[in-house]
Amino acid sequence: MRTTITIDHDVAVEIERVMAKRKIRFKQLINDALRLGLRQLLSGSTRPKQKYRTPSSSLGRCFLPSLDNVAEILATAEGEDYK
């Protein structure tokens, strides 16, 4: 089948890069990419779903006596001797 399509610039750059890396022609690359993409679409899954976990890290102890007293925190941050 012959057809005409408009390819976005960013996709064209990727196509040229893959063609050079694999040393294949445009037609072969497009057919391979379409086969892979269609197979993936028909299977219904795009990626294996894994639960994302946010890594934790210790930030040390809190340097303020109480985070409940906003006035005291602001005074400390502004360098006032407040107590």
N, C-alpha and C. Protein backbone atom coordinates (compact mmCIF):
# COMPACT_ATOMS: atom_id res chain seq x y z
N MET A 1 0.84 -1.18 0.00
CA MET A 1 0.00 0.00 0.00
C MET A 1 0.89 1.24 0.00
N ARG A 2 0.52 2.20 -0.79
CA ARG A 2 1.24 3.47 -0.81
C ARG A 2 0.37 4.53 -0.17
N THR A 3 1.01 5.41 0.58
CA THR A 3 0.27 6.49 1.22
C THR A 3 1.20 7.67 1.45
N THR A 4 0.63 8.81 1.76
CA THR A 4 1.40 10.00 2.08
C THR A 4 1.04 10.42 3.49
N ILE A 5 2.06 10.65 4.31
CA ILE A 5 1.81 11.12 5.68
C ILE A 5 2.70 12.32 5.96
N THR A 6 2.28 13.12 6.91
CA THR A 6 3.08 14.26 7.36
C THR A 6 3.70 13.88 8.69
N ILE A 7 5.02 13.94 8.76
CA ILE A 7 5.75 13.55 9.97
C ILE A 7 6.25 14.80 10.66
N ASP A 8 5.99 14.90 11.95
CA ASP A 8 6.48 16.04 12.73
C ASP A 8 8.01 16.05 12.73
N HIS A 9 8.57 17.25 12.92
CA HIS A 9 10.02 17.42 12.87
C HIS A 9 10.75 16.55 13.89
N ASP A 10 10.25 16.52 15.13
CA ASP A 10 10.93 15.74 16.17
C ASP A 10 10.93 14.25 15.84
N VAL A 11 9.86 13.77 15.23
CA VAL A 11 9.78 12.37 14.83
C VAL A 11 10.73 12.10 13.67
N ALA A 12 10.82 13.03 12.74
CA ALA A 12 11.73 12.89 11.59
C ALA A 12 13.18 12.79 12.05
N VAL A 13 13.53 13.58 13.05
CA VAL A 13 14.90 13.54 13.59
C VAL A 13 15.18 12.17 14.20
N GLU A 14 14.21 11.64 14.96
CA GLU A 14 14.37 10.31 15.56
C GLU A 14 14.47 9.24 14.48
N ILE A 15 13.67 9.37 13.44
CA ILE A 15 13.70 8.40 12.34
C ILE A 15 15.08 8.38 11.70
N GLU A 16 15.62 9.56 11.42
CA GLU A 16 16.94 9.63 10.79
C GLU A 16 18.02 9.03 11.68
N ARG A 17 17.89 9.28 12.99
CA ARG A 17 18.89 8.74 13.92
C ARG A 17 18.84 7.21 13.96
N VAL A 18 17.63 6.66 14.02
CA VAL A 18 17.48 5.20 14.06
C VAL A 18 17.92 4.58 12.73
N MET A 19 17.60 5.23 11.62
CA MET A 19 18.03 4.71 10.31
C MET A 19 19.55 4.62 10.23
N ALA A 20 20.22 5.65 10.73
CA ALA A 20 21.68 5.65 10.69
C ALA A 20 22.25 4.58 11.63
N LYS A 21 21.65 4.44 12.80
CA LYS A 21 22.15 3.48 13.79
C LYS A 21 21.96 2.05 13.30
N ARG A 22 20.78 1.74 12.75
CA ARG A 22 20.48 0.38 12.31
C ARG A 22 20.92 0.11 10.87
N LYS A 23 21.26 1.18 10.17
CA LYS A 23 21.67 1.07 8.76
C LYS A 23 20.57 0.38 7.93
N ILE A 24 19.35 0.91 8.07
CA ILE A 24 18.22 0.39 7.29
C ILE A 24 17.56 1.55 6.55
N ARG A 25 16.73 1.22 5.59
CA ARG A 25 16.04 2.23 4.80
C ARG A 25 14.79 2.71 5.52
N PHE A 26 14.31 3.85 5.05
CA PHE A 26 13.13 4.50 5.63
C PHE A 26 11.93 3.56 5.64
N LYS A 27 11.66 2.92 4.51
CA LYS A 27 10.50 2.04 4.39
C LYS A 27 10.54 0.92 5.42
N GLN A 28 11.71 0.31 5.59
CA GLN A 28 11.84 -0.79 6.54
C GLN A 28 11.64 -0.32 7.98
N LEU A 29 12.20 0.84 8.31
CA LEU A 29 12.05 1.38 9.66
C LEU A 29 10.59 1.69 9.97
N ILE A 30 9.90 2.34 9.04
CA ILE A 30 8.50 2.69 9.25
C ILE A 30 7.65 1.43 9.41
N ASN A 31 7.86 0.44 8.57
CA ASN A 31 7.11 -0.81 8.69
C ASN A 31 7.37 -1.50 10.03
N ASP A 32 8.64 -1.57 10.44
CA ASP A 32 8.97 -2.18 11.74
C ASP A 32 8.34 -1.43 12.90
N ALA A 33 8.42 -0.10 12.86
CA ALA A 33 7.85 0.72 13.93
C ALA A 33 6.33 0.58 13.99
N LEU A 34 5.68 0.56 12.84
CA LEU A 34 4.23 0.38 12.81
C LEU A 34 3.83 -1.00 13.33
N ARG A 35 4.58 -2.03 12.94
CA ARG A 35 4.27 -3.37 13.44
C ARG A 35 4.36 -3.43 14.96
N LEU A 36 5.46 -2.89 15.50
CA LEU A 36 5.63 -2.89 16.96
C LEU A 36 4.55 -2.07 17.65
N GLY A 37 4.27 -0.90 17.12
CA GLY A 37 3.27 -0.03 17.72
C GLY A 37 1.87 -0.63 17.67
N LEU A 38 1.51 -1.21 16.53
CA LEU A 38 0.19 -1.82 16.41
C LEU A 38 0.06 -3.04 17.31
N ARG A 39 1.12 -3.83 17.41
CA ARG A 39 1.10 -4.99 18.30
C ARG A 39 0.88 -4.56 19.74
N GLN A 40 1.55 -3.48 20.12
CA GLN A 40 1.42 -2.96 21.47
C GLN A 40 0.01 -2.40 21.71
N LEU A 41 -0.54 -1.69 20.74
CA LEU A 41 -1.90 -1.17 20.87
C LEU A 41 -2.93 -2.29 20.99
N LEU A 42 -2.75 -3.34 20.20
CA LEU A 42 -3.71 -4.44 20.23
C LEU A 42 -3.61 -5.27 21.50
N SER A 43 -2.44 -5.31 22.12
CA SER A 43 -2.28 -6.09 23.35
C SER A 43 -2.96 -5.40 24.52
N GLY A 44 -3.21 -4.10 24.42
CA GLY A 44 -3.92 -3.38 25.46
C GLY A 44 -3.04 -2.85 26.58
N SER A 45 -1.80 -3.21 26.61
CA SER A 45 -0.93 -2.69 27.67
C SER A 45 0.21 -1.90 27.04
N THR A 46 0.47 -0.75 27.61
CA THR A 46 1.55 0.07 27.09
C THR A 46 2.86 -0.24 27.80
N ARG A 47 2.79 -0.46 29.09
CA ARG A 47 3.97 -0.81 29.89
C ARG A 47 3.52 -1.65 31.08
N PRO A 48 4.42 -2.43 31.59
CA PRO A 48 4.05 -3.11 32.83
C PRO A 48 3.86 -2.07 33.93
N LYS A 49 2.72 -2.15 34.61
CA LYS A 49 2.41 -1.14 35.61
C LYS A 49 3.11 -1.48 36.92
N GLN A 50 3.93 -0.56 37.37
CA GLN A 50 4.62 -0.71 38.64
C GLN A 50 4.27 0.47 39.51
N LYS A 51 4.04 0.19 40.78
CA LYS A 51 3.71 1.25 41.70
C LYS A 51 4.95 2.11 41.92
N TYR A 52 4.78 3.43 41.79
CA TYR A 52 5.90 4.33 41.99
C TYR A 52 6.13 4.54 43.47
N ARG A 53 7.37 4.46 43.89
CA ARG A 53 7.73 4.69 45.28
C ARG A 53 8.67 5.89 45.34
N THR A 54 8.32 6.83 46.19
CA THR A 54 9.16 8.00 46.39
C THR A 54 10.29 7.64 47.34
N PRO A 55 11.54 7.84 46.92
CA PRO A 55 12.64 7.51 47.83
C PRO A 55 12.67 8.48 49.00
N SER A 56 13.04 7.97 50.15
CA SER A 56 13.11 8.82 51.34
C SER A 56 14.56 9.07 51.70
N SER A 57 14.79 10.18 52.36
CA SER A 57 16.14 10.49 52.83
C SER A 57 16.02 11.31 54.11
N SER A 58 16.98 11.14 54.98
CA SER A 58 16.97 11.85 56.25
C SER A 58 17.45 13.28 56.05
N LEU A 59 16.71 14.22 56.60
CA LEU A 59 17.08 15.63 56.52
C LEU A 59 17.66 16.13 57.83
N GLY A 60 17.84 15.22 58.78
CA GLY A 60 18.38 15.61 60.08
C GLY A 60 17.27 16.10 61.01
N ARG A 61 17.70 16.58 62.16
CA ARG A 61 16.71 17.04 63.14
C ARG A 61 16.22 18.44 62.79
N CYS A 62 15.07 18.78 63.31
CA CYS A 62 14.49 20.11 63.10
C CYS A 62 15.22 21.10 64.01
N PHE A 63 15.62 22.24 63.48
CA PHE A 63 16.36 23.23 64.27
C PHE A 63 15.44 24.19 65.02
N LEU A 64 14.16 24.09 64.79
CA LEU A 64 13.20 24.96 65.48
C LEU A 64 12.52 24.17 66.59
N PRO A 65 12.28 24.81 67.72
CA PRO A 65 11.68 24.07 68.84
C PRO A 65 10.25 23.60 68.55
N SER A 66 9.45 24.42 67.87
CA SER A 66 8.07 24.05 67.59
C SER A 66 7.65 24.63 66.24
N LEU A 67 7.08 23.78 65.41
CA LEU A 67 6.60 24.25 64.11
C LEU A 67 5.17 24.79 64.20
N ASP A 68 4.58 24.72 65.39
CA ASP A 68 3.21 25.20 65.58
C ASP A 68 3.14 26.70 65.79
N ASN A 69 4.22 27.32 66.25
CA ASN A 69 4.23 28.75 66.55
C ASN A 69 4.83 29.50 65.36
N VAL A 70 3.98 29.99 64.49
CA VAL A 70 4.42 30.65 63.26
C VAL A 70 5.17 31.93 63.56
N ALA A 71 4.74 32.69 64.54
CA ALA A 71 5.41 33.95 64.88
C ALA A 71 6.85 33.69 65.31
N GLU A 72 7.07 32.64 66.08
CA GLU A 72 8.42 32.31 66.53
C GLU A 72 9.29 31.86 65.36
N ILE A 73 8.73 31.10 64.44
CA ILE A 73 9.48 30.64 63.27
C ILE A 73 9.88 31.83 62.40
N LEU A 74 8.95 32.77 62.17
CA LEU A 74 9.26 33.96 61.37
C LEU A 74 10.31 34.82 62.05
N ALA A 75 10.22 34.98 63.35
CA ALA A 75 11.20 35.77 64.09
C ALA A 75 12.58 35.14 64.00
N THR A 76 12.64 33.82 64.10
CA THR A 76 13.92 33.12 63.99
C THR A 76 14.48 33.27 62.58
N ALA A 77 13.63 33.13 61.57
CA ALA A 77 14.08 33.24 60.18
C ALA A 77 14.57 34.64 59.86
N GLU A 78 13.96 35.65 60.47
CA GLU A 78 14.35 37.04 60.21
C GLU A 78 15.48 37.51 61.11
N GLY A 79 15.92 36.64 62.03
CA GLY A 79 17.06 36.97 62.87
C GLY A 79 16.73 37.81 64.09
N GLU A 80 15.51 37.88 64.48
CA GLU A 80 15.14 38.65 65.66
C GLU A 80 15.35 37.79 66.90
N ASP A 81 15.75 38.42 67.99
CA ASP A 81 15.84 37.72 69.26
C ASP A 81 14.46 37.73 69.89
N TYR A 82 13.72 36.74 69.60
CA TYR A 82 12.32 36.70 70.05
C TYR A 82 12.16 35.53 71.00
N LYS A 83 11.83 35.80 72.23
CA LYS A 83 11.49 34.76 73.22
C LYS A 83 11.06 35.40 74.48
